[in-house]
Amino acid sequence: MRALADELGVSRMTINRWVGSRDQLIGTITWGLAENALDRARERATGSGVEVVAGTLEGFIATVLDAPFQRAFLRQEGEIALRILTTRSSHLQRNFIAYVAELLRDELPESAERMPIDDLAYLLVRIAESFCYVDLICGGEPDASKVGVAVRLLLS
C-alpha cells in the first residue's frame, strides 16, 4: 500500500480511505478479473442447463489456472491469497457465489425445488475452489476438468 501511495503522490491513509485494506484492494481487483473470465467462460459454454453451468465453472477455473499472475500470487502469498480468494475477507467470495446463483437461476431454475439456489451456488463455488487450490489445501494437482465432472454429477 505504501508503494501505491508513493506512486500516486498521496498518503497511505488516503489510500486506505479510497480502497480499504490491502486485502480489500486485492479482492476488488481480482473480482474484476474474475467476473470478466466468468463471462467469457459462460459465453464459450455449450448446450444448456447443467452443461452451461459445468462448462462455465470448468472454463473459469481453467482460466484461473492458466493465469501467470494468479499462480504467482498463490505461490508467493499462499495463505494470504486463500484468505482473500476464498473467505469473507474480501468481496470476491460473495460476488463469485452471487454470480453462480444468477447462473443457476438462468440455467436451472428448477434446482431451487431441491435446494435453495444460494446454498447450491455456495456448494458449487467451494467445489470449484477445491479443485483450483488443491495444491495449497492438501498437496494435490489442480485440475479444471474435475470441476466440470463434479458439477455434472451433483446437478444431474
Protein backbone atom coordinates (compact mmCIF):
# COMPACT_ATOMS: atom_id res chain seq x y z
CA MET A 1 0.00 0.00 0.00
CA ARG A 2 2.92 2.31 0.71
CA ALA A 3 4.31 1.83 -2.81
CA LEU A 4 0.88 2.58 -4.29
CA ALA A 5 0.53 5.70 -2.15
CA ASP A 6 4.02 6.86 -3.16
CA GLU A 7 3.26 6.23 -6.84
CA LEU A 8 0.06 8.27 -6.62
CA GLY A 9 1.61 11.00 -4.50
CA VAL A 10 -0.83 10.60 -1.62
CA SER A 11 -0.58 9.34 1.93
CA ARG A 12 -1.14 5.74 2.88
CA MET A 13 -4.12 6.89 4.95
CA THR A 14 -5.69 8.36 1.81
CA ILE A 15 -5.24 5.04 0.00
CA ASN A 16 -6.91 3.26 2.92
CA ARG A 17 -9.86 5.66 2.75
CA TRP A 18 -10.18 5.09 -1.00
CA VAL A 19 -9.85 1.32 -1.14
CA GLY A 20 -9.88 -0.06 2.40
CA SER A 21 -7.32 -2.65 3.36
CA ARG A 22 -4.76 -4.34 1.14
CA ASP A 23 -6.93 -7.49 1.18
CA GLN A 24 -9.96 -5.49 0.04
CA LEU A 25 -7.98 -3.87 -2.77
CA ILE A 26 -6.61 -7.19 -3.99
CA GLY A 27 -10.08 -8.75 -3.70
CA THR A 28 -11.67 -5.94 -5.71
CA ILE A 29 -9.07 -6.14 -8.46
CA THR A 30 -9.23 -9.93 -8.52
CA TRP A 31 -13.03 -9.89 -8.70
CA GLY A 32 -12.93 -7.55 -11.71
CA LEU A 33 -10.65 -10.01 -13.50
CA ALA A 34 -12.69 -12.99 -12.30
CA GLU A 35 -16.00 -11.54 -13.45
CA ASN A 36 -14.62 -10.99 -16.95
CA ALA A 37 -13.24 -14.54 -17.01
CA LEU A 38 -16.59 -15.93 -15.82
CA ASP A 39 -18.43 -14.00 -18.54
CA ARG A 40 -16.06 -15.35 -21.20
CA ALA A 41 -16.37 -18.90 -19.86
CA ARG A 42 -20.16 -18.59 -19.89
CA GLU A 43 -20.13 -17.34 -23.48
CA ARG A 44 -17.98 -20.32 -24.52
CA ALA A 45 -20.05 -22.91 -22.64
CA THR A 46 -22.15 -25.06 -24.96
CA GLY A 47 -25.52 -26.69 -24.52
CA SER A 48 -27.96 -25.63 -21.85
CA GLY A 49 -28.78 -26.22 -18.22
CA VAL A 50 -26.28 -28.42 -16.41
CA GLU A 51 -23.84 -28.27 -19.34
CA VAL A 52 -23.70 -24.47 -19.27
CA VAL A 53 -23.19 -24.38 -15.50
CA ALA A 54 -20.50 -27.08 -15.59
CA GLY A 55 -18.85 -25.60 -18.68
CA THR A 56 -18.80 -22.12 -17.19
CA LEU A 57 -17.19 -23.20 -13.93
CA GLU A 58 -14.73 -25.55 -15.61
CA GLY A 59 -13.76 -22.89 -18.15
CA PHE A 60 -13.37 -20.28 -15.44
CA ILE A 61 -11.10 -22.47 -13.32
CA ALA A 62 -9.05 -23.35 -16.42
CA THR A 63 -8.56 -19.61 -16.99
CA VAL A 64 -7.54 -19.07 -13.37
CA LEU A 65 -5.06 -21.95 -13.53
CA ASP A 66 -3.57 -20.57 -16.76
CA ALA A 67 -3.16 -17.01 -15.42
CA PRO A 68 0.52 -16.42 -14.57
CA PHE A 69 -0.26 -13.57 -12.15
CA GLN A 70 -2.73 -15.76 -10.25
CA ARG A 71 -0.29 -18.66 -9.93
CA ALA A 72 2.46 -16.26 -8.81
CA PHE A 73 0.16 -14.72 -6.19
CA LEU A 74 -0.75 -18.16 -4.88
CA ARG A 75 2.87 -19.32 -4.87
CA GLN A 76 4.26 -16.19 -3.19
CA GLU A 77 1.47 -15.49 -0.71
CA GLY A 78 -0.46 -18.76 -0.41
CA GLU A 79 -2.22 -18.26 2.91
CA ILE A 80 -3.00 -14.61 2.25
CA ALA A 81 -4.20 -15.47 -1.25
CA LEU A 82 -6.51 -18.20 0.02
CA ARG A 83 -7.92 -15.84 2.64
CA ILE A 84 -8.63 -13.16 0.04
CA LEU A 85 -9.92 -15.55 -2.62
CA THR A 86 -11.99 -17.94 -0.54
CA THR A 87 -13.24 -16.17 2.60
CA ARG A 88 -15.30 -13.16 3.53
CA SER A 89 -12.18 -11.02 3.98
CA SER A 90 -12.89 -9.55 0.53
CA HIS A 91 -15.93 -9.19 -1.69
CA LEU A 92 -14.62 -11.76 -4.17
CA GLN A 93 -16.15 -14.80 -2.45
CA ARG A 94 -19.55 -13.14 -2.05
CA ASN A 95 -19.52 -11.92 -5.66
CA PHE A 96 -18.49 -15.34 -7.01
CA ILE A 97 -21.36 -17.02 -5.13
CA ALA A 98 -23.82 -14.38 -6.36
CA TYR A 99 -22.61 -14.87 -9.94
CA VAL A 100 -23.10 -18.63 -9.74
CA ALA A 101 -26.53 -18.16 -8.11
CA GLU A 102 -27.58 -15.99 -11.05
CA LEU A 103 -26.21 -18.57 -13.48
CA LEU A 104 -28.30 -21.24 -11.73
CA ARG A 105 -31.42 -19.07 -11.84
CA ASP A 106 -30.92 -18.59 -15.57
CA GLU A 107 -29.98 -22.16 -16.49
CA LEU A 108 -31.56 -24.37 -13.82
CA PRO A 109 -34.42 -22.51 -12.14
CA GLU A 110 -35.97 -25.84 -11.13
CA SER A 111 -32.96 -26.60 -8.93
CA ALA A 112 -34.49 -24.29 -6.31
CA GLU A 113 -37.04 -27.03 -5.64
CA ARG A 114 -34.27 -29.36 -4.41
CA MET A 115 -32.06 -26.87 -2.56
CA PRO A 116 -32.06 -23.09 -2.07
CA ILE A 117 -30.20 -21.53 -5.03
CA ASP A 118 -27.82 -19.54 -2.82
CA ASP A 119 -26.83 -22.69 -0.92
CA LEU A 120 -26.31 -24.61 -4.15
CA ALA A 121 -24.24 -21.74 -5.56
CA TYR A 122 -22.09 -21.76 -2.42
CA LEU A 123 -21.54 -25.51 -2.79
CA LEU A 124 -20.57 -25.19 -6.47
CA VAL A 125 -18.14 -22.37 -5.69
CA ARG A 126 -16.50 -24.45 -2.97
CA ILE A 127 -16.18 -27.39 -5.39
CA ALA A 128 -14.56 -25.14 -7.99
CA GLU A 129 -12.20 -23.66 -5.41
CA SER A 130 -11.30 -27.10 -4.08
CA PHE A 131 -10.01 -28.30 -7.44
CA CYS A 132 -8.37 -24.94 -8.18
CA TYR A 133 -6.46 -24.60 -4.90
CA VAL A 134 -5.97 -28.31 -4.08
CA ASP A 135 -2.19 -27.90 -4.22
CA LEU A 136 -2.30 -25.41 -1.35
CA ILE A 137 -5.04 -27.20 0.58
CA CYS A 138 -3.74 -30.77 0.59
CA GLY A 139 -0.93 -31.08 -1.94
CA GLY A 140 -2.85 -32.39 -4.94
CA GLU A 141 -2.66 -31.26 -8.55
CA PRO A 142 -5.10 -28.52 -9.66
CA ASP A 143 -7.41 -29.75 -12.43
CA ALA A 144 -10.21 -27.73 -14.03
CA SER A 145 -11.72 -30.78 -15.73
CA LYS A 146 -12.56 -32.25 -12.32
CA VAL A 147 -14.71 -29.19 -11.65
CA GLY A 148 -16.87 -29.99 -14.68
CA VAL A 149 -17.18 -33.66 -13.74
CA ALA A 150 -18.13 -32.87 -10.13
CA VAL A 151 -20.67 -30.20 -11.13
CA ARG A 152 -22.31 -32.52 -13.67
CA LEU A 153 -22.55 -35.31 -11.09
CA LEU A 154 -24.03 -33.01 -8.47
CA LEU A 155 -26.58 -31.35 -10.75
CA SER A 156 -27.69 -34.43 -12.70
